[in-house]
C-alpha atoms as a PDB file:
ATOM      1  CA  MET A   1      12.387 -14.171 -20.713  1.00  0.00           C
ATOM      2  CA  ALA A   2      10.124 -16.019 -18.310  1.00  0.00           C
ATOM      3  CA  GLU A   3      13.112 -17.142 -16.230  1.00  0.00           C
ATOM      4  CA  ILE A   4      14.187 -13.516 -15.811  1.00  0.00           C
ATOM      5  CA  ILE A   5      10.759 -12.487 -14.614  1.00  0.00           C
ATOM      6  CA  LEU A   6      10.539 -15.396 -12.175  1.00  0.00           C
ATOM      7  CA  SER A   7      14.016 -14.621 -10.875  1.00  0.00           C
ATOM      8  CA  PHE A   8      13.018 -10.975 -10.414  1.00  0.00           C
ATOM      9  CA  ALA A   9       9.862 -12.050  -8.575  1.00  0.00           C
ATOM     10  CA  GLY A  10      12.005 -14.203  -6.234  1.00  0.00           C
ATOM     11  CA  VAL A  11      14.295 -11.256  -5.524  1.00  0.00           C
ATOM     12  CA  LEU A  12      11.297  -9.021  -4.760  1.00  0.00           C
ATOM     13  CA  ILE A  13       9.897 -11.686  -2.417  1.00  0.00           C
ATOM     14  CA  LEU A  14      13.218 -11.869  -0.551  1.00  0.00           C
ATOM     15  CA  GLY A  15      13.308  -8.098  -0.320  1.00  0.00           C
ATOM     16  CA  GLY A  16       9.816  -8.139   1.169  1.00  0.00           C
ATOM     17  CA  ILE A  17      10.878 -10.736   3.690  1.00  0.00           C
ATOM     18  CA  LEU A  18      13.810  -8.575   4.768  1.00  0.00           C
ATOM     19  CA  CYS A  19      11.538  -5.509   5.157  1.00  0.00           C
ATOM     20  CA  ALA A  20       8.996  -7.470   7.163  1.00  0.00           C
ATOM     21  CA  VAL A  21      11.650  -8.962   9.484  1.00  0.00           C
ATOM     22  CA  VAL A  22      13.142  -5.510  10.091  1.00  0.00           C
ATOM     23  CA  ARG A  23       9.653  -4.146  10.878  1.00  0.00           C
ATOM     24  CA  LEU A  24       9.044  -7.063  13.201  1.00  0.00           C
ATOM     25  CA  ALA A  25      12.334  -6.467  15.047  1.00  0.00           C
ATOM     26  CA  ILE A  26      12.006  -2.705  15.465  1.00  0.00           C
ATOM     27  CA  GLY A  27       8.235  -2.386  15.735  1.00  0.00           C
ATOM     28  CA  ARG A  28       7.309   0.137  18.423  1.00  0.00           C
ATOM     29  CA  SER A  29       3.998  -1.352  19.321  1.00  0.00           C
ATOM     30  CA  VAL A  30       2.187  -4.666  19.233  1.00  0.00           C
ATOM     31  CA  ILE A  31       0.128  -3.485  16.266  1.00  0.00           C
ATOM     32  CA  ASP A  32       3.304  -2.868  14.229  1.00  0.00           C
ATOM     33  CA  ARG A  33       4.472  -6.407  14.989  1.00  0.00           C
ATOM     34  CA  VAL A  34       1.052  -7.905  14.055  1.00  0.00           C
ATOM     35  CA  VAL A  35       1.152  -6.060  10.746  1.00  0.00           C
ATOM     36  CA  ALA A  36       4.686  -7.348  10.106  1.00  0.00           C
ATOM     37  CA  ILE A  37       3.619 -10.928  10.801  1.00  0.00           C
ATOM     38  CA  ASP A  38       0.611 -10.484   8.504  1.00  0.00           C
ATOM     39  CA  MET A  39       2.979  -9.164   5.867  1.00  0.00           C
ATOM     40  CA  LEU A  40       5.156 -12.245   6.292  1.00  0.00           C
ATOM     41  CA  THR A  41       2.141 -14.505   5.767  1.00  0.00           C
ATOM     42  CA  ILE A  42       1.212 -12.669   2.591  1.00  0.00           C
ATOM     43  CA  ILE A  43       4.774 -12.997   1.334  1.00  0.00           C
ATOM     44  CA  ALA A  44       4.678 -16.717   2.215  1.00  0.00           C
ATOM     45  CA  ILE A  45       1.492 -17.074   0.185  1.00  0.00           C
ATOM     46  CA  SER A  46       3.179 -15.415  -2.799  1.00  0.00           C
ATOM     47  CA  LEU A  47       6.171 -17.719  -2.350  1.00  0.00           C
ATOM     48  CA  ILE A  48       3.876 -20.753  -2.328  1.00  0.00           C
ATOM     49  CA  ALA A  49       2.198 -19.485  -5.522  1.00  0.00           C
ATOM     50  CA  LEU A  50       5.571 -18.915  -7.166  1.00  0.00           C
ATOM     51  CA  TYR A  51       6.685 -22.438  -6.199  1.00  0.00           C
ATOM     52  CA  ALA A  52       3.433 -23.875  -7.533  1.00  0.00           C
ATOM     53  CA  HIS A  53       4.119 -22.201 -10.873  1.00  0.00           C
ATOM     54  CA  LEU A  54       7.707 -23.337 -11.012  1.00  0.00           C
ATOM     55  CA  SER A  55       6.946 -26.931 -10.105  1.00  0.00           C
ATOM     56  CA  GLY A  56       3.785 -27.174 -12.216  1.00  0.00           C
ATOM     57  CA  ARG A  57       1.784 -28.594  -9.311  1.00  0.00           C
ATOM     58  CA  PHE A  58      -1.137 -26.277  -8.844  1.00  0.00           C
ATOM     59  CA  LEU A  59      -2.370 -28.170  -5.811  1.00  0.00           C
ATOM     60  CA  TYR A  60      -0.159 -25.798  -3.809  1.00  0.00           C
ATOM     61  CA  LEU A  61      -2.486 -22.937  -4.758  1.00  0.00           C
ATOM     62  CA  ASP A  62      -5.178 -24.570  -2.638  1.00  0.00           C
ATOM     63  CA  VAL A  63      -2.714 -24.652   0.250  1.00  0.00           C
ATOM     64  CA  ALA A  64      -2.002 -20.958  -0.283  1.00  0.00           C
ATOM     65  CA  LEU A  65      -5.746 -20.178  -0.300  1.00  0.00           C
ATOM     66  CA  VAL A  66      -6.352 -22.004   2.974  1.00  0.00           C
ATOM     67  CA  TYR A  67      -3.291 -20.379   4.518  1.00  0.00           C
ATOM     68  CA  GLY A  68      -4.594 -16.978   3.489  1.00  0.00           C
ATOM     69  CA  GLY A  69      -8.002 -17.639   5.042  1.00  0.00           C
ATOM     70  CA  LEU A  70      -6.469 -18.811   8.312  1.00  0.00           C
ATOM     71  CA  SER A  71      -4.170 -15.799   8.358  1.00  0.00           C
ATOM     72  CA  PHE A  72      -7.138 -13.485   7.876  1.00  0.00           C
ATOM     73  CA  LEU A  73      -9.029 -15.096  10.740  1.00  0.00           C
ATOM     74  CA  ALA A  74      -5.947 -14.881  13.001  1.00  0.00           C
ATOM     75  CA  VAL A  75      -5.466 -11.189  12.298  1.00  0.00           C
ATOM     76  CA  LEU A  76      -9.138 -10.570  13.055  1.00  0.00           C
ATOM     77  CA  ALA A  77      -8.821 -12.422  16.362  1.00  0.00           C
ATOM     78  CA  VAL A  78      -5.724 -10.492  17.361  1.00  0.00           C
ATOM     79  CA  ALA A  79      -7.314  -7.170  16.400  1.00  0.00           C
ATOM     80  CA  ARG A  80     -10.391  -7.956  18.435  1.00  0.00           C
ATOM     81  CA  TYR A  81      -8.260  -8.944  21.393  1.00  0.00           C
ATOM     82  CA  LEU A  82      -6.198  -5.804  21.202  1.00  0.00           C
ATOM     83  CA  GLU A  83      -9.234  -3.588  20.830  1.00  0.00           C
ATOM     84  CA  ARG A  84     -11.312  -4.786  23.765  1.00  0.00           C
ATOM     85  CA  GLY A  85     -10.304  -8.240  24.829  1.00  0.00           C
ATOM     86  CA  LEU A  86     -11.981 -11.539  24.100  1.00  0.00           C
END
């Protein structure tokens, strides 16, 4: 039963990647593309967490946490730049 749920989670993650790449490709504005890239980083974090669970090495969760923090700071910097410049 757990294998089915993990396989379903992997399929959902791949579907999210496809949606984000499509949004990145056809985004009308820079803000749409920034949101798509942020969505890809969130999906990458979930992929890292899924891999940590499958491999049993929970050190990867620390990597996902740091990656999430850096992604948050990057989106804040881009938003500030787009709003009024640095």
